[in-house]
Protein backbone atom coordinates (compact mmCIF):
# COMPACT_ATOMS: atom_id res chain seq x y z
CA MET A 1 50.02 -94.39 -40.27
CA PRO A 2 53.35 -94.24 -42.02
CA GLU A 3 56.96 -94.25 -40.28
CA PRO A 4 58.57 -90.86 -39.73
CA GLY A 5 61.62 -90.67 -41.36
CA THR A 6 63.34 -87.94 -40.02
CA MET A 7 62.95 -85.54 -37.14
CA ARG A 8 64.10 -82.60 -35.86
CA ALA A 9 66.73 -82.67 -33.27
CA ILE A 10 69.85 -80.81 -31.24
CA TRP A 11 73.05 -82.60 -30.63
CA TYR A 12 76.51 -81.93 -29.90
CA GLU A 13 79.75 -83.88 -30.94
CA ARG A 14 82.06 -82.21 -28.52
CA PRO A 15 81.77 -81.00 -25.16
CA GLY A 16 81.90 -76.80 -24.42
CA PRO A 17 79.47 -73.81 -24.24
CA ALA A 18 76.15 -74.49 -25.58
CA ARG A 19 76.23 -71.96 -28.17
CA GLU A 20 79.22 -73.24 -29.50
CA VAL A 21 78.54 -77.16 -29.78
CA LEU A 22 74.69 -77.32 -29.90
CA GLN A 23 73.12 -77.94 -33.22
CA LEU A 24 69.88 -77.73 -34.87
CA GLY A 25 69.27 -80.32 -37.62
CA GLU A 26 67.45 -83.35 -38.99
CA ARG A 27 68.26 -86.73 -37.44
CA PRO A 28 66.38 -90.36 -38.41
CA VAL A 29 63.62 -91.05 -36.17
CA PRO A 30 65.19 -93.97 -33.60
CA GLN A 31 63.60 -97.46 -33.87
CA PRO A 32 62.58 -99.05 -30.51
CA ALA A 33 64.82 -102.05 -29.82
CA PRO A 34 63.24 -104.99 -28.17
CA GLY A 35 62.26 -104.03 -24.71
CA GLU A 36 62.03 -100.22 -26.01
CA VAL A 37 59.15 -97.77 -26.56
CA ARG A 38 59.57 -94.91 -28.74
CA VAL A 39 58.09 -91.54 -27.49
CA ARG A 40 56.56 -88.66 -29.28
CA LEU A 41 58.22 -85.81 -27.04
CA LEU A 42 56.15 -82.98 -26.29
CA ALA A 43 58.42 -81.68 -23.35
CA SER A 44 61.82 -82.23 -22.38
CA GLY A 45 63.46 -81.04 -19.10
CA VAL A 46 66.76 -79.26 -18.33
CA ASN A 47 68.64 -80.25 -15.61
CA PRO A 48 72.20 -79.35 -14.01
CA ALA A 49 73.39 -82.91 -14.82
CA ASP A 50 72.62 -82.39 -18.37
CA ILE A 51 74.73 -79.02 -18.24
CA TYR A 52 77.75 -80.78 -16.87
CA ARG A 53 77.74 -83.37 -19.46
CA ARG A 54 77.64 -81.27 -22.34
CA ALA A 55 80.04 -78.47 -20.81
CA GLY A 56 82.18 -81.28 -20.25
CA THR A 57 83.02 -80.35 -16.48
CA ALA A 58 82.07 -83.61 -14.92
CA TYR A 59 81.91 -86.20 -18.00
CA ALA A 60 83.71 -87.18 -20.99
CA ASN A 61 82.02 -87.37 -24.14
CA GLU A 62 80.59 -91.17 -24.17
CA TRP A 63 79.61 -91.30 -27.99
CA PRO A 64 80.28 -89.28 -31.22
CA LEU A 65 77.09 -87.60 -31.11
CA ILE A 66 74.78 -86.72 -28.40
CA VAL A 67 71.52 -85.46 -28.03
CA PRO A 68 71.18 -84.14 -24.43
CA ASN A 69 68.74 -83.88 -21.48
CA SER A 70 67.66 -86.83 -19.73
CA ASP A 71 64.01 -86.10 -18.80
CA GLY A 72 61.00 -85.52 -20.70
CA ALA A 73 56.99 -86.06 -21.43
CA GLY A 74 55.18 -87.44 -24.47
CA VAL A 75 53.16 -90.08 -26.13
CA VAL A 76 54.04 -93.83 -26.87
CA GLU A 77 53.75 -94.15 -30.34
CA ALA A 78 56.17 -97.23 -31.33
CA LEU A 79 56.86 -100.54 -29.33
CA GLY A 80 60.06 -103.03 -29.81
CA GLU A 81 59.64 -106.44 -29.46
CA GLY A 82 58.41 -107.99 -26.20
CA VAL A 83 56.71 -104.86 -24.89
CA ASP A 84 53.40 -104.69 -23.51
CA GLN A 85 50.94 -103.56 -26.31
CA ALA A 86 48.83 -101.43 -23.60
CA LEU A 87 51.46 -99.04 -23.74
CA LEU A 88 50.73 -97.97 -27.21
CA GLY A 89 49.12 -94.56 -27.00
CA ARG A 90 49.73 -93.69 -23.51
CA ARG A 91 50.67 -90.34 -22.19
CA VAL A 92 53.86 -90.96 -20.11
CA TRP A 93 56.68 -89.48 -18.35
CA LEU A 94 60.21 -90.76 -18.91
CA TYR A 95 63.67 -90.20 -17.41
CA ASN A 96 67.20 -91.48 -18.05
CA ALA A 97 66.88 -91.17 -21.56
CA GLN A 98 70.31 -89.70 -22.10
CA ARG A 99 71.71 -91.93 -19.54
CA GLY A 100 73.78 -95.15 -20.95
CA ARG A 101 72.67 -94.25 -24.28
CA PRO A 102 73.32 -91.45 -26.65
CA PHE A 103 69.94 -89.77 -27.47
CA GLY A 104 68.22 -87.89 -24.89
CA THR A 105 65.18 -85.76 -25.47
CA ALA A 106 66.19 -82.79 -27.01
CA ALA A 107 64.37 -84.23 -30.12
CA GLU A 108 60.97 -84.83 -31.25
CA TYR A 109 61.15 -88.33 -30.52
CA THR A 110 63.40 -90.73 -28.40
CA CYS A 111 63.34 -94.52 -27.44
CA VAL A 112 64.03 -95.65 -24.38
CA PRO A 113 63.49 -98.77 -21.70
CA ALA A 114 59.64 -99.50 -21.41
CA GLU A 115 60.21 -99.50 -17.81
CA TYR A 116 62.02 -95.71 -17.79
CA VAL A 117 58.49 -94.64 -18.85
CA HIS A 118 55.42 -94.34 -16.66
CA ASP A 119 51.73 -93.16 -17.12
CA LEU A 120 51.24 -89.29 -16.71
CA PRO A 121 47.88 -88.38 -15.47
CA GLU A 122 45.31 -87.05 -17.92
CA ASP A 123 45.21 -83.66 -15.70
CA ILE A 124 49.25 -83.37 -15.61
CA PRO A 125 50.37 -81.21 -18.67
CA PHE A 126 53.31 -82.45 -20.45
CA GLU A 127 55.72 -79.50 -19.23
CA VAL A 128 54.97 -80.63 -15.79
CA GLY A 129 55.93 -84.44 -16.58
CA ALA A 130 58.97 -83.21 -17.85
CA CYS A 131 59.80 -82.33 -14.54
CA LEU A 132 59.60 -85.51 -12.39
CA GLY A 133 62.61 -87.27 -13.71
CA ILE A 134 65.88 -86.19 -11.98
CA PRO A 135 64.30 -83.92 -9.56
CA CYS A 136 61.43 -85.51 -7.98
CA MET A 137 62.84 -89.31 -8.46
CA THR A 138 66.07 -87.98 -6.80
CA ALA A 139 64.09 -86.49 -3.79
CA HIS A 140 62.29 -89.54 -3.76
CA ARG A 141 65.49 -91.71 -3.57
CA CYS A 142 66.92 -89.23 -0.92
CA LEU A 143 63.68 -89.61 1.43
CA PHE A 144 63.24 -93.12 1.29
CA ALA A 145 66.32 -94.84 0.78
CA ASP A 146 66.59 -95.48 4.41
CA GLY A 147 63.00 -96.69 5.14
CA PRO A 148 59.45 -94.45 5.54
CA VAL A 149 59.38 -91.01 7.08
CA ARG A 150 56.28 -91.58 8.75
CA GLY A 151 56.57 -89.92 12.07
CA LEU A 152 60.08 -88.48 11.47
CA ARG A 153 61.77 -85.27 11.53
CA VAL A 154 63.09 -84.27 8.37
CA LEU A 155 65.27 -81.43 7.19
CA VAL A 156 65.43 -80.52 3.46
CA SER A 157 68.62 -78.54 2.51
CA GLY A 158 67.87 -75.96 -0.16
CA GLY A 159 64.22 -76.51 0.07
CA GLY A 160 63.71 -73.57 -2.68
CA GLY A 161 65.41 -75.44 -5.21
CA ALA A 162 63.79 -78.13 -7.71
CA VAL A 163 64.54 -81.35 -5.92
CA GLY A 164 64.06 -79.48 -2.25
CA ASN A 165 60.74 -78.59 -3.43
CA TYR A 166 59.76 -81.85 -4.24
CA ALA A 167 61.40 -83.36 -1.28
CA LEU A 168 59.18 -81.10 1.14
CA GLN A 169 55.87 -82.12 -0.64
CA LEU A 170 57.11 -86.08 -0.50
CA ALA A 171 58.01 -85.54 3.01
CA ARG A 172 54.45 -84.39 3.93
CA TRP A 173 52.95 -86.94 1.84
CA GLY A 174 54.81 -89.73 3.54
CA GLY A 175 53.61 -88.59 6.91
CA ALA A 176 56.67 -86.89 8.71
CA ALA A 177 56.19 -85.36 11.92
CA GLN A 178 58.05 -82.09 11.04
CA VAL A 179 59.05 -80.88 7.62
CA LEU A 180 61.93 -78.02 8.06
CA ALA A 181 63.75 -76.35 5.31
CA THR A 182 67.10 -74.44 4.94
CA ALA A 183 67.25 -71.58 2.31
CA SER A 184 69.18 -68.29 1.62
CA GLY A 185 65.51 -66.11 1.87
CA GLY A 186 63.44 -64.23 -0.92
CA TRP A 187 61.49 -66.76 -3.18
CA LYS A 188 63.12 -69.46 -2.29
CA SER A 189 62.00 -69.48 1.21
CA GLU A 190 58.48 -68.63 -0.19
CA ASP A 191 58.49 -71.98 -2.33
CA ALA A 192 60.06 -73.78 0.65
CA ARG A 193 56.65 -72.76 2.77
CA ALA A 194 54.62 -73.23 -0.28
CA ALA A 195 55.85 -76.97 -0.47
CA GLY A 196 54.63 -77.60 2.73
CA ALA A 197 57.91 -76.45 5.09
CA GLU A 198 56.43 -75.68 8.58
CA GLN A 199 59.45 -73.42 9.18
CA VAL A 200 62.36 -72.33 6.75
CA PHE A 201 65.95 -71.27 8.37
CA ASP A 202 68.60 -69.16 7.00
CA TYR A 203 71.42 -71.60 6.59
CA ARG A 204 73.80 -68.45 6.68
CA ALA A 205 72.39 -67.35 10.00
CA PRO A 206 74.95 -67.66 12.74
CA ASP A 207 72.10 -68.95 15.07
CA CYS A 208 71.09 -71.59 12.67
CA VAL A 209 72.02 -74.81 14.45
CA GLU A 210 70.75 -73.55 17.50
CA ARG A 211 67.27 -72.52 15.89
CA ILE A 212 66.72 -75.71 14.44
CA MET A 213 67.66 -77.23 17.64
CA ALA A 214 65.16 -75.29 19.60
CA TRP A 215 62.46 -76.23 17.04
CA THR A 216 62.86 -79.75 17.29
CA GLY A 217 62.87 -79.69 21.06
CA GLY A 218 66.56 -80.44 21.49
CA ALA A 219 66.21 -83.46 19.70
CA GLY A 220 67.53 -82.70 16.12
CA VAL A 221 66.21 -83.84 12.78
CA ASP A 222 66.07 -87.91 11.88
CA ARG A 223 66.53 -87.31 8.16
CA VAL A 224 68.55 -84.47 6.63
CA ILE A 225 68.12 -84.16 2.43
CA GLU A 226 71.17 -82.42 1.62
CA VAL A 227 72.01 -80.03 -1.35
CA ASP A 228 75.64 -79.49 -0.49
CA VAL A 229 77.21 -82.20 1.80
CA GLY A 230 80.64 -80.93 1.81
CA GLY A 231 79.52 -77.21 2.17
CA ASN A 232 77.13 -77.56 4.92
CA VAL A 233 78.74 -80.06 7.09
CA ALA A 234 78.88 -78.03 10.24
CA LEU A 235 75.06 -77.72 10.01
CA TRP A 236 74.19 -81.12 9.27
CA SER A 237 76.49 -82.82 11.73
CA ALA A 238 75.50 -80.56 14.79
CA VAL A 239 71.54 -80.95 14.10
CA ILE A 240 71.46 -84.67 13.22
CA ALA A 241 69.73 -87.07 15.72
CA LEU A 242 70.88 -90.00 17.20
CA ASN A 243 70.29 -93.03 14.58
CA GLY A 244 69.48 -90.19 11.90
CA SER A 245 70.70 -90.51 8.20
CA VAL A 246 72.13 -87.67 6.14
CA ILE A 247 71.39 -87.90 2.27
CA GLY A 248 73.52 -86.13 -0.31
CA TYR A 249 72.65 -85.51 -3.99
CA ALA A 250 75.21 -82.90 -4.63
CA SER A 251 78.49 -81.24 -3.10
CA ARG A 252 79.62 -78.10 -4.68
CA GLY A 253 80.95 -76.07 -1.37
CA ASN A 254 83.81 -78.55 -0.74
CA LEU A 255 84.37 -81.63 -2.73
CA THR A 256 86.66 -82.97 -0.32
CA PRO A 257 85.22 -82.15 3.26
CA ALA A 258 86.59 -83.25 6.50
CA ILE A 259 83.61 -85.70 8.00
CA PRO A 260 83.23 -85.55 11.72
CA VAL A 261 83.42 -89.58 11.91
CA SER A 262 83.77 -90.34 15.62
CA GLY A 263 82.13 -87.34 16.84
CA THR A 264 79.05 -87.63 14.73
CA LEU A 265 78.72 -90.75 12.50
CA MET A 266 79.98 -93.27 15.11
CA ARG A 267 78.68 -91.81 17.98
CA LYS A 268 75.25 -90.88 16.92
CA ASN A 269 75.04 -94.07 14.70
CA VAL A 270 74.37 -91.74 11.58
CA ASN A 271 74.27 -93.01 8.21
CA LEU A 272 75.69 -90.62 5.46
CA ARG A 273 74.39 -91.64 2.25
CA GLY A 274 75.34 -90.38 -1.22
CA VAL A 275 72.57 -90.60 -4.11
CA VAL A 276 72.98 -90.40 -8.00
CA LEU A 277 69.76 -91.32 -9.51
CA ASN A 278 71.01 -92.86 -12.78
CA SER A 279 73.09 -95.69 -10.69
CA ALA A 280 70.25 -95.84 -8.06
CA PRO A 281 68.75 -99.48 -7.76
CA ALA A 282 66.53 -100.35 -10.22
CA ALA A 283 63.85 -101.52 -8.16
CA ALA A 284 64.29 -98.05 -6.32
CA ARG A 285 63.76 -96.10 -9.47
CA ARG A 286 60.74 -98.01 -10.05
CA GLN A 287 59.52 -97.54 -7.12
CA ALA A 288 59.79 -94.14 -7.28
CA MET A 289 58.03 -93.98 -10.23
CA LEU A 290 55.07 -95.40 -8.88
CA ASP A 291 54.96 -93.54 -5.85
CA ILE A 292 55.28 -90.41 -7.59
CA THR A 293 52.30 -91.04 -10.26
CA ARG A 294 50.48 -92.12 -7.42
CA TRP A 295 51.14 -88.93 -5.33
CA LEU A 296 50.30 -86.53 -8.35
CA ARG A 297 46.90 -88.47 -8.68
CA GLU A 298 45.83 -87.58 -4.91
CA GLY A 299 45.78 -83.79 -5.16
CA ALA A 300 47.17 -80.53 -6.39
CA ARG A 301 50.91 -80.22 -6.30
CA LEU A 302 53.14 -77.33 -6.50
CA HIS A 303 55.23 -77.62 -9.87
CA ARG A 304 57.84 -74.91 -10.54
CA ILE A 305 58.44 -74.33 -14.06
CA ALA A 306 61.11 -71.64 -14.85
CA ALA A 307 60.97 -70.94 -18.27
CA THR A 308 59.64 -72.74 -21.69
CA PHE A 309 61.92 -72.76 -24.83
CA PRO A 310 61.06 -74.02 -28.50
CA LEU A 311 63.47 -76.36 -29.50
CA ALA A 312 65.43 -74.14 -31.69
CA GLU A 313 66.38 -72.35 -28.77
CA THR A 314 67.69 -75.31 -26.34
CA ALA A 315 71.20 -73.45 -25.97
CA ALA A 316 69.17 -70.53 -24.44
CA ALA A 317 67.49 -73.15 -22.20
CA HIS A 318 71.01 -74.82 -20.89
CA GLU A 319 72.12 -71.33 -20.09
CA ALA A 320 68.98 -70.37 -18.10
CA VAL A 321 70.10 -72.97 -16.10
CA GLU A 322 73.61 -72.35 -15.95
CA ALA A 323 72.81 -68.83 -14.41
CA GLY A 324 72.11 -70.64 -11.54
CA THR A 325 68.75 -68.15 -10.93
CA LYS A 326 66.26 -70.10 -12.24
CA ARG A 327 62.87 -70.79 -10.01
CA GLY A 328 62.04 -74.23 -10.82
CA THR A 329 62.92 -76.50 -13.87
CA VAL A 330 63.83 -75.40 -17.32
CA VAL A 331 61.78 -77.19 -20.16
CA VAL A 332 62.29 -77.27 -23.61
CA LEU A 333 59.25 -78.20 -26.31
CA PRO A 334 60.55 -80.10 -28.74
CA GLN A 335 57.55 -79.82 -31.18
CA GLN A 336 57.96 -76.12 -31.40
């Protein structure tokens, strides 16, 4: 088969609004460097972190030209030097395409280190594979960074969101004794229950703390997976159990919160941990990929795809994430 010369891709050369800066055109097909694979992309996941990078609200432009989106799924079609030949032709899901390198998954092809891809089971659609990187791997790291959850009481803040939904399912899979969630009602509470929450609490209710404590028999929760560390300080600091852990992967409500160090962290021996996937330990990320693929193979799972867009409508896909109302993960289809 002859090597493809060019591919369709989306890129931007400066940060800004999606429709102003995202361009569609032809780019050279990337060639895998030593230790890399080239993937023909069938799906590209769009996550909030991709939006912040493109908008320039949290990151400066790191390269003169950037192909956005970090997550994806497709078929390995070329190998760099030193890569196991068994990977050629494999269905895979991948992450971190646009982390530490300029070319992400909003294109027909991308190259990533071989350790950033993992087998996608035959019965899992590529669109689902593109949802597994940032959302599912973040959920895994939050749950298991401080050890197994078997026998523990777990509270997932924002259980209706993409990360929260996977955290609830993985907590069940990991053998947690109680799996609880907070949400704001409506479909978010419905999705939290569908993902395995035995009880969902409205975090805005004035008696939310009392209800969680009552549900846990006054013991509190051993592990909190927190979507808004700063905004929810009063809640998590009140319900965390002795020797518990609070693991946060976002903080939009308050970026400089007052943390009750003496009354909560020290007196209760609480661990407060932050998680950002792309800088998490490499061994932890690899374990997440192994566990997630095993979890996928063991039974039916809940995957919410909010919407799919052809490559030419990547700007609309970014806007759908920015709107803040998506139910699941937004996916771009690079071959359409």
